[in-house]
Amino acid sequence: MVVEGQLKDGDFLPHEAELIAHFGVSRPTLREAVRVLESERLVDVRRGSRTGARVRVPGPEIVARPAALLLALSGATLADVLTARIAIERCVISAETDQPLIADLGQRSSRCRWSVNASATRW
């Protein structure tokens, strides 16, 4: 819903019953999923007069934490990270002038998003 642009930063998630129907999961499963999203700081859950879960679009610090852990656990060095950065930057620079490549990457990205969303609805 967030990735598809239906919900933006600060929007409330739909009511529990609607989410259960949308994802085809049980109430305990949905609640656990919301707790995980809250622990990852991707939603803010408010209890009280204005209850519900609000979407929080992650900033760089939220994304960097698991990436740093993954790099540390894989034994990546700073030199490895810089080498990867240089390779990515070279691709970006050459891709800026290659419109067919950009269109192809956009289509691949859309297919990946569709695949992720399709697998998420199965759980």
N, C-alpha and C. Protein backbone atom coordinates (compact mmCIF):
# COMPACT_ATOMS: atom_id res chain seq x y z
N MET A 1 0.82 -1.20 0.00
CA MET A 1 0.00 0.00 0.00
C MET A 1 0.87 1.26 0.00
N VAL A 2 1.93 1.24 0.80
CA VAL A 2 2.82 2.39 0.84
C VAL A 2 3.65 2.45 -0.43
N VAL A 3 4.22 1.31 -0.81
CA VAL A 3 5.05 1.25 -2.01
C VAL A 3 4.25 1.61 -3.25
N GLU A 4 2.98 1.21 -3.27
CA GLU A 4 2.11 1.49 -4.42
C GLU A 4 1.65 2.94 -4.45
N GLY A 5 1.93 3.71 -3.41
CA GLY A 5 1.54 5.11 -3.36
C GLY A 5 0.15 5.36 -2.83
N GLN A 6 -0.52 4.31 -2.35
CA GLN A 6 -1.87 4.49 -1.80
C GLN A 6 -1.83 5.19 -0.45
N LEU A 7 -0.75 4.98 0.30
CA LEU A 7 -0.58 5.62 1.60
C LEU A 7 0.73 6.39 1.61
N LYS A 8 0.70 7.57 2.22
CA LYS A 8 1.88 8.41 2.29
C LYS A 8 2.28 8.62 3.75
N ASP A 9 3.44 9.21 3.93
CA ASP A 9 3.94 9.50 5.26
C ASP A 9 2.89 10.27 6.07
N GLY A 10 2.55 9.75 7.24
CA GLY A 10 1.57 10.40 8.10
C GLY A 10 0.15 9.89 7.95
N ASP A 11 -0.14 9.16 6.87
CA ASP A 11 -1.48 8.60 6.68
C ASP A 11 -1.72 7.47 7.69
N PHE A 12 -2.97 7.32 8.09
CA PHE A 12 -3.34 6.20 8.95
C PHE A 12 -3.51 4.94 8.10
N LEU A 13 -3.07 3.81 8.63
CA LEU A 13 -3.36 2.54 7.97
C LEU A 13 -4.87 2.32 8.01
N PRO A 14 -5.40 1.56 7.08
CA PRO A 14 -6.83 1.23 7.13
C PRO A 14 -7.16 0.48 8.42
N HIS A 15 -8.45 0.41 8.74
CA HIS A 15 -8.88 -0.29 9.94
C HIS A 15 -8.49 -1.76 9.87
N GLU A 16 -8.38 -2.35 11.04
CA GLU A 16 -7.94 -3.73 11.18
C GLU A 16 -8.73 -4.70 10.28
N ALA A 17 -10.04 -4.59 10.29
CA ALA A 17 -10.87 -5.50 9.49
C ALA A 17 -10.55 -5.40 8.00
N GLU A 18 -10.32 -4.18 7.54
CA GLU A 18 -9.99 -3.98 6.13
C GLU A 18 -8.63 -4.60 5.78
N LEU A 19 -7.65 -4.44 6.67
CA LEU A 19 -6.33 -5.02 6.43
C LEU A 19 -6.38 -6.54 6.44
N ILE A 20 -7.16 -7.10 7.36
CA ILE A 20 -7.32 -8.56 7.44
C ILE A 20 -7.89 -9.09 6.13
N ALA A 21 -8.92 -8.41 5.62
CA ALA A 21 -9.53 -8.84 4.36
C ALA A 21 -8.57 -8.66 3.18
N HIS A 22 -7.86 -7.54 3.18
CA HIS A 22 -6.95 -7.24 2.07
C HIS A 22 -5.82 -8.26 1.97
N PHE A 23 -5.23 -8.61 3.12
CA PHE A 23 -4.08 -9.51 3.11
C PHE A 23 -4.45 -10.97 3.35
N GLY A 24 -5.70 -11.22 3.74
CA GLY A 24 -6.15 -12.59 3.96
C GLY A 24 -5.43 -13.28 5.11
N VAL A 25 -5.24 -12.54 6.20
CA VAL A 25 -4.54 -13.09 7.37
C VAL A 25 -5.46 -13.03 8.59
N SER A 26 -5.04 -13.70 9.65
CA SER A 26 -5.82 -13.68 10.89
C SER A 26 -5.51 -12.41 11.68
N ARG A 27 -6.35 -12.12 12.64
CA ARG A 27 -6.16 -10.94 13.48
C ARG A 27 -4.83 -10.99 14.24
N PRO A 28 -4.48 -12.13 14.88
CA PRO A 28 -3.18 -12.18 15.57
C PRO A 28 -2.00 -11.97 14.62
N THR A 29 -2.10 -12.50 13.40
CA THR A 29 -1.02 -12.32 12.43
C THR A 29 -0.89 -10.86 12.05
N LEU A 30 -2.01 -10.19 11.81
CA LEU A 30 -1.98 -8.78 11.46
C LEU A 30 -1.39 -7.96 12.60
N ARG A 31 -1.81 -8.24 13.81
CA ARG A 31 -1.30 -7.48 14.96
C ARG A 31 0.20 -7.68 15.14
N GLU A 32 0.66 -8.90 14.93
CA GLU A 32 2.10 -9.16 15.01
C GLU A 32 2.85 -8.40 13.92
N ALA A 33 2.28 -8.36 12.72
CA ALA A 33 2.90 -7.63 11.62
C ALA A 33 3.00 -6.14 11.95
N VAL A 34 1.96 -5.58 12.54
CA VAL A 34 1.98 -4.17 12.92
C VAL A 34 3.03 -3.93 14.00
N ARG A 35 3.16 -4.87 14.95
CA ARG A 35 4.20 -4.74 15.98
C ARG A 35 5.60 -4.75 15.36
N VAL A 36 5.79 -5.60 14.37
CA VAL A 36 7.09 -5.64 13.69
C VAL A 36 7.34 -4.32 12.97
N LEU A 37 6.34 -3.82 12.26
CA LEU A 37 6.48 -2.53 11.57
C LEU A 37 6.78 -1.41 12.56
N GLU A 38 6.14 -1.48 13.73
CA GLU A 38 6.38 -0.47 14.76
C GLU A 38 7.81 -0.57 15.29
N SER A 39 8.28 -1.79 15.52
CA SER A 39 9.65 -1.97 16.03
C SER A 39 10.69 -1.50 15.02
N GLU A 40 10.35 -1.58 13.75
CA GLU A 40 11.24 -1.11 12.69
C GLU A 40 11.04 0.38 12.40
N ARG A 41 10.18 1.01 13.14
CA ARG A 41 9.85 2.44 13.02
C ARG A 41 9.30 2.79 11.64
N LEU A 42 8.52 1.86 11.08
CA LEU A 42 7.86 2.11 9.80
C LEU A 42 6.42 2.56 9.99
N VAL A 43 5.88 2.34 11.19
CA VAL A 43 4.57 2.88 11.57
C VAL A 43 4.66 3.39 13.01
N ASP A 44 3.84 4.36 13.31
CA ASP A 44 3.66 4.88 14.67
C ASP A 44 2.30 4.42 15.14
N VAL A 45 2.24 3.69 16.22
CA VAL A 45 0.95 3.24 16.73
C VAL A 45 0.56 4.15 17.88
N ARG A 46 -0.63 4.72 17.76
CA ARG A 46 -1.14 5.62 18.80
C ARG A 46 -2.34 4.98 19.47
N ARG A 47 -2.33 5.04 20.76
CA ARG A 47 -3.45 4.52 21.52
C ARG A 47 -4.09 5.70 22.25
N GLY A 48 -5.39 5.65 22.36
CA GLY A 48 -6.09 6.74 23.03
C GLY A 48 -7.22 7.25 22.17
N SER A 49 -7.44 8.58 22.24
CA SER A 49 -8.59 9.15 21.54
C SER A 49 -8.45 9.05 20.02
N ARG A 50 -7.27 9.26 19.50
CA ARG A 50 -7.05 9.16 18.05
C ARG A 50 -6.14 7.96 17.80
N THR A 51 -6.76 6.78 17.77
CA THR A 51 -6.00 5.55 17.69
C THR A 51 -5.71 5.16 16.25
N GLY A 52 -4.75 4.29 16.11
CA GLY A 52 -4.42 3.76 14.79
C GLY A 52 -2.93 3.77 14.55
N ALA A 53 -2.55 3.24 13.43
CA ALA A 53 -1.14 3.18 13.05
C ALA A 53 -0.92 4.14 11.89
N ARG A 54 0.03 5.03 12.07
CA ARG A 54 0.38 5.99 11.02
C ARG A 54 1.63 5.53 10.29
N VAL A 55 1.62 5.72 9.00
CA VAL A 55 2.77 5.36 8.17
C VAL A 55 3.92 6.33 8.44
N ARG A 56 5.12 5.77 8.55
CA ARG A 56 6.34 6.57 8.66
C ARG A 56 7.26 6.14 7.53
N VAL A 57 7.55 7.04 6.63
CA VAL A 57 8.48 6.72 5.56
C VAL A 57 9.88 6.74 6.16
N PRO A 58 10.63 5.65 5.96
CA PRO A 58 11.95 5.58 6.60
C PRO A 58 12.93 6.57 6.01
N GLY A 59 13.71 7.15 6.90
CA GLY A 59 14.80 8.02 6.47
C GLY A 59 16.06 7.19 6.28
N PRO A 60 17.14 7.82 5.90
CA PRO A 60 18.39 7.09 5.66
C PRO A 60 18.88 6.32 6.88
N GLU A 61 18.67 6.86 8.07
CA GLU A 61 19.15 6.18 9.27
C GLU A 61 18.43 4.86 9.52
N ILE A 62 17.16 4.78 9.14
CA ILE A 62 16.39 3.55 9.32
C ILE A 62 16.88 2.48 8.34
N VAL A 63 17.17 2.89 7.13
CA VAL A 63 17.62 1.96 6.10
C VAL A 63 19.08 1.56 6.34
N ALA A 64 19.88 2.48 6.85
CA ALA A 64 21.31 2.22 7.03
C ALA A 64 21.59 1.19 8.12
N ARG A 65 20.77 1.16 9.15
CA ARG A 65 21.03 0.25 10.28
C ARG A 65 21.07 -1.21 9.85
N PRO A 66 20.03 -1.75 9.20
CA PRO A 66 20.13 -3.16 8.79
C PRO A 66 21.18 -3.39 7.71
N ALA A 67 21.40 -2.39 6.85
CA ALA A 67 22.43 -2.54 5.81
C ALA A 67 23.81 -2.63 6.45
N ALA A 68 24.06 -1.80 7.46
CA ALA A 68 25.35 -1.84 8.16
C ALA A 68 25.54 -3.17 8.87
N LEU A 69 24.49 -3.68 9.47
CA LEU A 69 24.57 -4.98 10.15
C LEU A 69 24.89 -6.09 9.14
N LEU A 70 24.20 -6.06 8.02
CA LEU A 70 24.44 -7.07 6.97
C LEU A 70 25.89 -7.01 6.48
N LEU A 71 26.39 -5.80 6.25
CA LEU A 71 27.77 -5.66 5.79
C LEU A 71 28.75 -6.17 6.85
N ALA A 72 28.50 -5.82 8.11
CA ALA A 72 29.39 -6.27 9.19
C ALA A 72 29.39 -7.78 9.31
N LEU A 73 28.22 -8.39 9.24
CA LEU A 73 28.12 -9.84 9.38
C LEU A 73 28.73 -10.58 8.19
N SER A 74 28.73 -9.94 7.03
CA SER A 74 29.29 -10.59 5.84
C SER A 74 30.80 -10.38 5.74
N GLY A 75 31.35 -9.58 6.64
CA GLY A 75 32.79 -9.35 6.63
C GLY A 75 33.24 -8.31 5.63
N ALA A 76 32.33 -7.50 5.13
CA ALA A 76 32.68 -6.46 4.17
C ALA A 76 33.56 -5.41 4.84
N THR A 77 34.55 -4.95 4.10
CA THR A 77 35.43 -3.90 4.60
C THR A 77 35.01 -2.56 4.02
N LEU A 78 35.59 -1.50 4.54
CA LEU A 78 35.31 -0.17 4.00
C LEU A 78 35.75 -0.11 2.53
N ALA A 79 36.84 -0.77 2.21
CA ALA A 79 37.30 -0.80 0.81
C ALA A 79 36.26 -1.48 -0.08
N ASP A 80 35.63 -2.55 0.43
CA ASP A 80 34.58 -3.24 -0.34
C ASP A 80 33.41 -2.30 -0.61
N VAL A 81 33.02 -1.56 0.41
CA VAL A 81 31.89 -0.63 0.28
C VAL A 81 32.23 0.47 -0.73
N LEU A 82 33.43 1.01 -0.64
CA LEU A 82 33.83 2.07 -1.58
C LEU A 82 33.92 1.55 -3.01
N THR A 83 34.40 0.33 -3.18
CA THR A 83 34.46 -0.28 -4.51
C THR A 83 33.06 -0.43 -5.09
N ALA A 84 32.12 -0.88 -4.27
CA ALA A 84 30.73 -1.01 -4.72
C ALA A 84 30.15 0.35 -5.08
N ARG A 85 30.44 1.35 -4.26
CA ARG A 85 29.92 2.70 -4.52
C ARG A 85 30.43 3.22 -5.86
N ILE A 86 31.71 3.04 -6.12
CA ILE A 86 32.29 3.51 -7.38
C ILE A 86 31.63 2.79 -8.56
N ALA A 87 31.42 1.49 -8.44
CA ALA A 87 30.78 0.73 -9.51
C ALA A 87 29.36 1.22 -9.76
N ILE A 88 28.62 1.48 -8.68
CA ILE A 88 27.24 1.97 -8.82
C ILE A 88 27.24 3.35 -9.46
N GLU A 89 28.12 4.23 -9.00
CA GLU A 89 28.17 5.59 -9.55
C GLU A 89 28.51 5.57 -11.04
N ARG A 90 29.41 4.69 -11.44
CA ARG A 90 29.74 4.59 -12.87
C ARG A 90 28.53 4.16 -13.68
N CYS A 91 27.78 3.20 -13.14
CA CYS A 91 26.56 2.75 -13.84
C CYS A 91 25.54 3.87 -13.94
N VAL A 92 25.39 4.63 -12.87
CA VAL A 92 24.42 5.73 -12.87
C VAL A 92 24.81 6.78 -13.89
N ILE A 93 26.08 7.12 -13.92
CA ILE A 93 26.55 8.14 -14.86
C ILE A 93 26.32 7.68 -16.30
N SER A 94 26.66 6.44 -16.61
CA SER A 94 26.46 5.97 -17.99
C SER A 94 24.98 5.79 -18.30
N ALA A 95 24.20 5.42 -17.30
CA ALA A 95 22.77 5.21 -17.52
C ALA A 95 22.03 6.51 -17.76
N GLU A 96 22.54 7.61 -17.23
CA GLU A 96 21.87 8.90 -17.42
C GLU A 96 21.77 9.26 -18.90
N THR A 97 22.68 8.76 -19.68
CA THR A 97 22.66 9.08 -21.11
C THR A 97 22.07 7.95 -21.95
N ASP A 98 21.64 6.88 -21.30
CA ASP A 98 21.13 5.71 -22.00
C ASP A 98 19.64 5.52 -21.66
N GLN A 99 18.78 6.23 -22.38
CA GLN A 99 17.34 6.20 -22.09
C GLN A 99 16.72 4.81 -22.24
N PRO A 100 17.09 4.00 -23.24
CA PRO A 100 16.52 2.65 -23.30
C PRO A 100 16.86 1.82 -22.06
N LEU A 101 18.08 1.99 -21.55
CA LEU A 101 18.48 1.28 -20.34
C LEU A 101 17.63 1.74 -19.16
N ILE A 102 17.39 3.03 -19.07
CA ILE A 102 16.57 3.57 -17.98
C ILE A 102 15.16 3.00 -18.06
N ALA A 103 14.59 2.94 -19.26
CA ALA A 103 13.24 2.38 -19.42
C ALA A 103 13.22 0.91 -19.03
N ASP A 104 14.25 0.16 -19.42
CA ASP A 104 14.33 -1.26 -19.07
C ASP A 104 14.43 -1.43 -17.56
N LEU A 105 15.26 -0.63 -16.91
CA LEU A 105 15.39 -0.72 -15.45
C LEU A 105 14.07 -0.38 -14.76
N GLY A 106 13.33 0.58 -15.31
CA GLY A 106 12.02 0.92 -14.75
C GLY A 106 11.05 -0.24 -14.84
N GLN A 107 11.06 -0.92 -15.97
CA GLN A 107 10.18 -2.09 -16.14
C GLN A 107 10.58 -3.21 -15.19
N ARG A 108 11.88 -3.44 -15.05
CA ARG A 108 12.35 -4.48 -14.13
C ARG A 108 11.98 -4.14 -12.69
N SER A 109 12.11 -2.86 -12.35
CA SER A 109 11.75 -2.42 -11.00
C SER A 109 10.26 -2.65 -10.74
N SER A 110 9.43 -2.35 -11.72
CA SER A 110 7.99 -2.58 -11.57
C SER A 110 7.68 -4.05 -11.38
N ARG A 111 8.35 -4.91 -12.15
CA ARG A 111 8.14 -6.35 -11.99
C ARG A 111 8.58 -6.82 -10.62
N CYS A 112 9.69 -6.29 -10.12
CA CYS A 112 10.16 -6.67 -8.77
C CYS A 112 9.14 -6.24 -7.72
N ARG A 113 8.62 -5.00 -7.85
CA ARG A 113 7.62 -4.52 -6.89
C ARG A 113 6.39 -5.39 -6.93
N TRP A 114 5.96 -5.76 -8.15
CA TRP A 114 4.78 -6.62 -8.28
C TRP A 114 5.04 -7.96 -7.61
N SER A 115 6.22 -8.51 -7.82
CA SER A 115 6.57 -9.81 -7.23
C SER A 115 6.58 -9.74 -5.71
N VAL A 116 7.15 -8.67 -5.17
CA VAL A 116 7.18 -8.50 -3.71
C VAL A 116 5.77 -8.37 -3.17
N ASN A 117 4.94 -7.56 -3.83
CA ASN A 117 3.56 -7.39 -3.37
C ASN A 117 2.78 -8.69 -3.47
N ALA A 118 3.00 -9.44 -4.54
CA ALA A 118 2.29 -10.71 -4.72
C ALA A 118 2.68 -11.70 -3.63
N SER A 119 3.97 -11.74 -3.29
CA SER A 119 4.39 -12.68 -2.25
C SER A 119 3.90 -12.22 -0.89
N ALA A 120 3.79 -10.90 -0.68
CA ALA A 120 3.30 -10.39 0.61
C ALA A 120 1.84 -10.74 0.81
N THR A 121 1.07 -10.78 -0.26
CA THR A 121 -0.36 -11.09 -0.11
C THR A 121 -0.59 -12.56 0.18
N ARG A 122 0.40 -13.40 -0.11
CA ARG A 122 0.26 -14.82 0.20
C ARG A 122 0.48 -15.09 1.67
N TRP A 123 1.15 -14.21 2.37
CA TRP A 123 1.43 -14.44 3.79
C TRP A 123 0.34 -13.80 4.55
